[in-house]
Amino acid sequence: MGDDKEQGFVIRDRRGRGEDAPPPAQAATPPAAEPSASAPHPHEHEADSHTHSGHLPVNFSSFVISMGSSALMLMGEQLDPQQPSMPLNLPQAKEIIDLLSMLEEKTKGNLTPDEQVVMKDMLYALRMKFVSLTSGKSTLHTP
């Protein structure tokens, strides 16, 4: 408690890296020379955290892909063969599909053509996978 320096949290994305890759967290913390009285702007650290680790900046398309990947994993897809597969969770996968569907509707007319393609293709793939998993099963949403 005697430390007056205030530190934020650090998010480390370990997807797509080998086990022997060093963590990029060392450059993510701001230097101690910054005065603690001035609050940093929220977007200053976003640029730093993405450029030093080699990842692309977060944008709408990467958000949609991230959500879609989560839904695919919940539907049994194993995106990383070195990671154990997640247990099947169709209700949660459907919730993500519904969220992306709502987001598609709410952003209609505000997306770039590339963003529209990413959203449309991701929703199509997710819906087809969900239908293929639930067709013939009478245990999901039957009265």
C-alpha atoms as a PDB file:
ATOM      1  CA  MET A   1       0.000   0.000   0.000  1.00  0.00           C
ATOM      2  CA  GLY A   2       3.025   2.267   0.395  1.00  0.00           C
ATOM      3  CA  ASP A   3       3.451   2.387  -3.408  1.00  0.00           C
ATOM      4  CA  ASP A   4       1.937   5.606  -4.817  1.00  0.00           C
ATOM      5  CA  LYS A   5       2.268   4.502  -8.434  1.00  0.00           C
ATOM      6  CA  GLU A   6      -0.995   3.476  -9.993  1.00  0.00           C
ATOM      7  CA  GLN A   7      -0.775   0.681 -12.546  1.00  0.00           C
ATOM      8  CA  GLY A   8      -3.473  -0.401 -14.944  1.00  0.00           C
ATOM      9  CA  PHE A   9      -4.199  -3.916 -16.015  1.00  0.00           C
ATOM     10  CA  VAL A  10      -2.443  -5.705 -18.869  1.00  0.00           C
ATOM     11  CA  ILE A  11      -4.163  -8.037 -21.299  1.00  0.00           C
ATOM     12  CA  ARG A  12      -1.932 -10.636 -22.930  1.00  0.00           C
ATOM     13  CA  ASP A  13      -3.286 -12.350 -26.026  1.00  0.00           C
ATOM     14  CA  ARG A  14      -1.467 -15.647 -26.327  1.00  0.00           C
ATOM     15  CA  ARG A  15      -3.359 -16.879 -29.377  1.00  0.00           C
ATOM     16  CA  GLY A  16      -1.258 -17.680 -32.405  1.00  0.00           C
ATOM     17  CA  ARG A  17       2.083 -17.729 -30.562  1.00  0.00           C
ATOM     18  CA  GLY A  18       4.256 -20.690 -29.826  1.00  0.00           C
ATOM     19  CA  GLU A  19       4.989 -21.772 -26.301  1.00  0.00           C
ATOM     20  CA  ASP A  20       8.592 -20.591 -26.584  1.00  0.00           C
ATOM     21  CA  ALA A  21       7.691 -17.003 -27.573  1.00  0.00           C
ATOM     22  CA  PRO A  22       8.476 -14.420 -24.885  1.00  0.00           C
ATOM     23  CA  PRO A  23       5.535 -12.488 -23.422  1.00  0.00           C
ATOM     24  CA  PRO A  24       5.246  -8.906 -24.761  1.00  0.00           C
ATOM     25  CA  ALA A  25       4.232  -7.463 -21.371  1.00  0.00           C
ATOM     26  CA  GLN A  26       7.524  -5.745 -20.602  1.00  0.00           C
ATOM     27  CA  ALA A  27       6.876  -2.871 -23.037  1.00  0.00           C
ATOM     28  CA  ALA A  28       3.189  -2.561 -22.110  1.00  0.00           C
ATOM     29  CA  THR A  29       3.721  -0.789 -18.790  1.00  0.00           C
ATOM     30  CA  PRO A  30       4.335   2.962 -18.996  1.00  0.00           C
ATOM     31  CA  PRO A  31       7.693   4.316 -17.770  1.00  0.00           C
ATOM     32  CA  ALA A  32       7.844   5.514 -14.158  1.00  0.00           C
ATOM     33  CA  ALA A  33       8.868   9.033 -15.246  1.00  0.00           C
ATOM     34  CA  GLU A  34       5.264   9.938 -16.066  1.00  0.00           C
ATOM     35  CA  PRO A  35       3.630  12.061 -13.388  1.00  0.00           C
ATOM     36  CA  SER A  36       0.828  10.173 -11.704  1.00  0.00           C
ATOM     37  CA  ALA A  37      -1.336  13.302 -11.472  1.00  0.00           C
ATOM     38  CA  SER A  38      -1.995  13.441 -15.200  1.00  0.00           C
ATOM     39  CA  ALA A  39      -4.410  10.781 -16.347  1.00  0.00           C
ATOM     40  CA  PRO A  40      -3.354   9.081 -19.587  1.00  0.00           C
ATOM     41  CA  HIS A  41      -5.649   9.290 -22.557  1.00  0.00           C
ATOM     42  CA  PRO A  42      -7.443   5.986 -23.124  1.00  0.00           C
ATOM     43  CA  HIS A  43      -6.260   5.631 -26.735  1.00  0.00           C
ATOM     44  CA  GLU A  44      -2.563   6.254 -26.061  1.00  0.00           C
ATOM     45  CA  HIS A  45      -1.944   2.819 -24.560  1.00  0.00           C
ATOM     46  CA  GLU A  46      -4.049   1.052 -27.187  1.00  0.00           C
ATOM     47  CA  ALA A  47      -1.614   1.988 -29.936  1.00  0.00           C
ATOM     48  CA  ASP A  48       1.389   0.978 -27.826  1.00  0.00           C
ATOM     49  CA  SER A  49      -0.062  -2.377 -26.824  1.00  0.00           C
ATOM     50  CA  HIS A  50      -0.778  -3.341 -30.426  1.00  0.00           C
ATOM     51  CA  THR A  51       2.363  -2.107 -32.135  1.00  0.00           C
ATOM     52  CA  HIS A  52       4.880  -3.713 -29.786  1.00  0.00           C
ATOM     53  CA  SER A  53       3.280  -7.152 -29.848  1.00  0.00           C
ATOM     54  CA  GLY A  54       2.894  -7.380 -33.616  1.00  0.00           C
ATOM     55  CA  HIS A  55      -0.892  -7.684 -33.529  1.00  0.00           C
ATOM     56  CA  LEU A  56      -3.140  -5.600 -35.707  1.00  0.00           C
ATOM     57  CA  PRO A  57      -5.153  -2.880 -33.987  1.00  0.00           C
ATOM     58  CA  VAL A  58      -8.607  -3.789 -32.806  1.00  0.00           C
ATOM     59  CA  ASN A  59     -11.267  -2.858 -35.326  1.00  0.00           C
ATOM     60  CA  PHE A  60     -14.793  -3.924 -36.168  1.00  0.00           C
ATOM     61  CA  SER A  61     -13.736  -6.825 -38.391  1.00  0.00           C
ATOM     62  CA  SER A  62     -11.324  -8.250 -35.819  1.00  0.00           C
ATOM     63  CA  PHE A  63     -14.061  -7.958 -33.178  1.00  0.00           C
ATOM     64  CA  VAL A  64     -16.503  -9.916 -35.365  1.00  0.00           C
ATOM     65  CA  ILE A  65     -13.856 -12.555 -36.080  1.00  0.00           C
ATOM     66  CA  SER A  66     -13.060 -12.866 -32.377  1.00  0.00           C
ATOM     67  CA  MET A  67     -16.717 -13.316 -31.443  1.00  0.00           C
ATOM     68  CA  GLY A  68     -17.199 -15.784 -34.294  1.00  0.00           C
ATOM     69  CA  SER A  69     -14.152 -17.779 -33.259  1.00  0.00           C
ATOM     70  CA  SER A  70     -15.527 -18.002 -29.731  1.00  0.00           C
ATOM     71  CA  ALA A  71     -18.839 -19.289 -31.052  1.00  0.00           C
ATOM     72  CA  LEU A  72     -17.079 -21.851 -33.248  1.00  0.00           C
ATOM     73  CA  MET A  73     -15.088 -23.118 -30.283  1.00  0.00           C
ATOM     74  CA  LEU A  74     -18.314 -23.433 -28.281  1.00  0.00           C
ATOM     75  CA  MET A  75     -19.678 -25.518 -31.155  1.00  0.00           C
ATOM     76  CA  GLY A  76     -16.766 -27.942 -30.922  1.00  0.00           C
ATOM     77  CA  GLU A  77     -14.295 -26.486 -33.425  1.00  0.00           C
ATOM     78  CA  GLN A  78     -10.700 -26.820 -32.338  1.00  0.00           C
ATOM     79  CA  LEU A  79      -8.998 -23.691 -33.673  1.00  0.00           C
ATOM     80  CA  ASP A  80      -5.622 -24.463 -32.095  1.00  0.00           C
ATOM     81  CA  PRO A  81      -4.609 -28.132 -32.247  1.00  0.00           C
ATOM     82  CA  GLN A  82      -2.245 -27.676 -29.290  1.00  0.00           C
ATOM     83  CA  GLN A  83      -5.054 -26.473 -27.004  1.00  0.00           C
ATOM     84  CA  PRO A  84      -7.626 -28.855 -25.531  1.00  0.00           C
ATOM     85  CA  SER A  85     -11.041 -28.553 -27.135  1.00  0.00           C
ATOM     86  CA  MET A  86     -13.762 -26.761 -25.211  1.00  0.00           C
ATOM     87  CA  PRO A  87     -16.867 -28.632 -24.147  1.00  0.00           C
ATOM     88  CA  LEU A  88     -19.837 -28.239 -26.460  1.00  0.00           C
ATOM     89  CA  ASN A  89     -22.085 -25.367 -25.329  1.00  0.00           C
ATOM     90  CA  LEU A  90     -24.741 -24.758 -27.981  1.00  0.00           C
ATOM     91  CA  PRO A  91     -26.887 -22.323 -25.943  1.00  0.00           C
ATOM     92  CA  GLN A  92     -23.920 -20.010 -25.410  1.00  0.00           C
ATOM     93  CA  ALA A  93     -22.876 -20.326 -29.075  1.00  0.00           C
ATOM     94  CA  LYS A  94     -26.428 -19.377 -30.094  1.00  0.00           C
ATOM     95  CA  GLU A  95     -26.253 -16.357 -27.800  1.00  0.00           C
ATOM     96  CA  ILE A  96     -23.115 -15.139 -29.591  1.00  0.00           C
ATOM     97  CA  ILE A  97     -24.770 -15.715 -32.977  1.00  0.00           C
ATOM     98  CA  ASP A  98     -27.792 -13.729 -31.803  1.00  0.00           C
ATOM     99  CA  LEU A  99     -25.532 -10.917 -30.546  1.00  0.00           C
ATOM    100  CA  LEU A 100     -23.750 -10.739 -33.901  1.00  0.00           C
ATOM    101  CA  SER A 101     -27.133 -10.765 -35.680  1.00  0.00           C
ATOM    102  CA  MET A 102     -28.322  -7.865 -33.548  1.00  0.00           C
ATOM    103  CA  LEU A 103     -25.059  -6.032 -34.197  1.00  0.00           C
ATOM    104  CA  GLU A 104     -25.467  -6.583 -37.935  1.00  0.00           C
ATOM    105  CA  GLU A 105     -28.939  -5.048 -37.799  1.00  0.00           C
ATOM    106  CA  LYS A 106     -27.898  -2.085 -35.637  1.00  0.00           C
ATOM    107  CA  THR A 107     -24.877  -1.243 -37.809  1.00  0.00           C
ATOM    108  CA  LYS A 108     -26.702  -1.534 -41.135  1.00  0.00           C
ATOM    109  CA  GLY A 109     -25.610   1.328 -43.400  1.00  0.00           C
ATOM    110  CA  ASN A 110     -22.659   2.248 -41.161  1.00  0.00           C
ATOM    111  CA  LEU A 111     -20.142  -0.431 -42.155  1.00  0.00           C
ATOM    112  CA  THR A 112     -17.531  -0.368 -44.877  1.00  0.00           C
ATOM    113  CA  PRO A 113     -17.998  -2.911 -47.676  1.00  0.00           C
ATOM    114  CA  ASP A 114     -15.196  -5.054 -46.187  1.00  0.00           C
ATOM    115  CA  GLU A 115     -16.810  -4.984 -42.743  1.00  0.00           C
ATOM    116  CA  GLN A 116     -20.155  -5.965 -44.270  1.00  0.00           C
ATOM    117  CA  VAL A 117     -18.540  -8.954 -45.990  1.00  0.00           C
ATOM    118  CA  VAL A 118     -16.818 -10.088 -42.780  1.00  0.00           C
ATOM    119  CA  MET A 119     -20.084  -9.831 -40.819  1.00  0.00           C
ATOM    120  CA  LYS A 120     -22.183 -11.556 -43.492  1.00  0.00           C
ATOM    121  CA  ASP A 121     -19.685 -14.382 -44.042  1.00  0.00           C
ATOM    122  CA  MET A 122     -19.138 -14.979 -40.335  1.00  0.00           C
ATOM    123  CA  LEU A 123     -22.859 -15.110 -39.572  1.00  0.00           C
ATOM    124  CA  TYR A 124     -23.442 -17.464 -42.508  1.00  0.00           C
ATOM    125  CA  ALA A 125     -20.696 -19.843 -41.336  1.00  0.00           C
ATOM    126  CA  LEU A 126     -21.896 -19.751 -37.730  1.00  0.00           C
ATOM    127  CA  ARG A 127     -25.539 -20.323 -38.640  1.00  0.00           C
ATOM    128  CA  MET A 128     -24.724 -23.238 -40.950  1.00  0.00           C
ATOM    129  CA  LYS A 129     -22.549 -24.871 -38.293  1.00  0.00           C
ATOM    130  CA  PHE A 130     -25.232 -24.365 -35.645  1.00  0.00           C
ATOM    131  CA  VAL A 131     -27.949 -25.812 -37.879  1.00  0.00           C
ATOM    132  CA  SER A 132     -25.789 -28.804 -38.776  1.00  0.00           C
ATOM    133  CA  LEU A 133     -25.196 -29.508 -35.084  1.00  0.00           C
ATOM    134  CA  THR A 134     -28.810 -29.081 -34.012  1.00  0.00           C
ATOM    135  CA  SER A 135     -30.649 -30.678 -36.927  1.00  0.00           C
ATOM    136  CA  GLY A 136     -31.949 -34.054 -35.904  1.00  0.00           C
ATOM    137  CA  LYS A 137     -31.533 -33.327 -32.213  1.00  0.00           C
ATOM    138  CA  SER A 138     -34.852 -33.045 -30.445  1.00  0.00           C
ATOM    139  CA  THR A 139     -33.405 -31.842 -27.148  1.00  0.00           C
ATOM    140  CA  LEU A 140     -32.837 -28.203 -28.152  1.00  0.00           C
ATOM    141  CA  HIS A 141     -35.767 -25.803 -27.755  1.00  0.00           C
ATOM    142  CA  THR A 142     -38.566 -28.320 -28.035  1.00  0.00           C
ATOM    143  CA  PRO A 143     -41.761 -27.668 -26.131  1.00  0.00           C
END
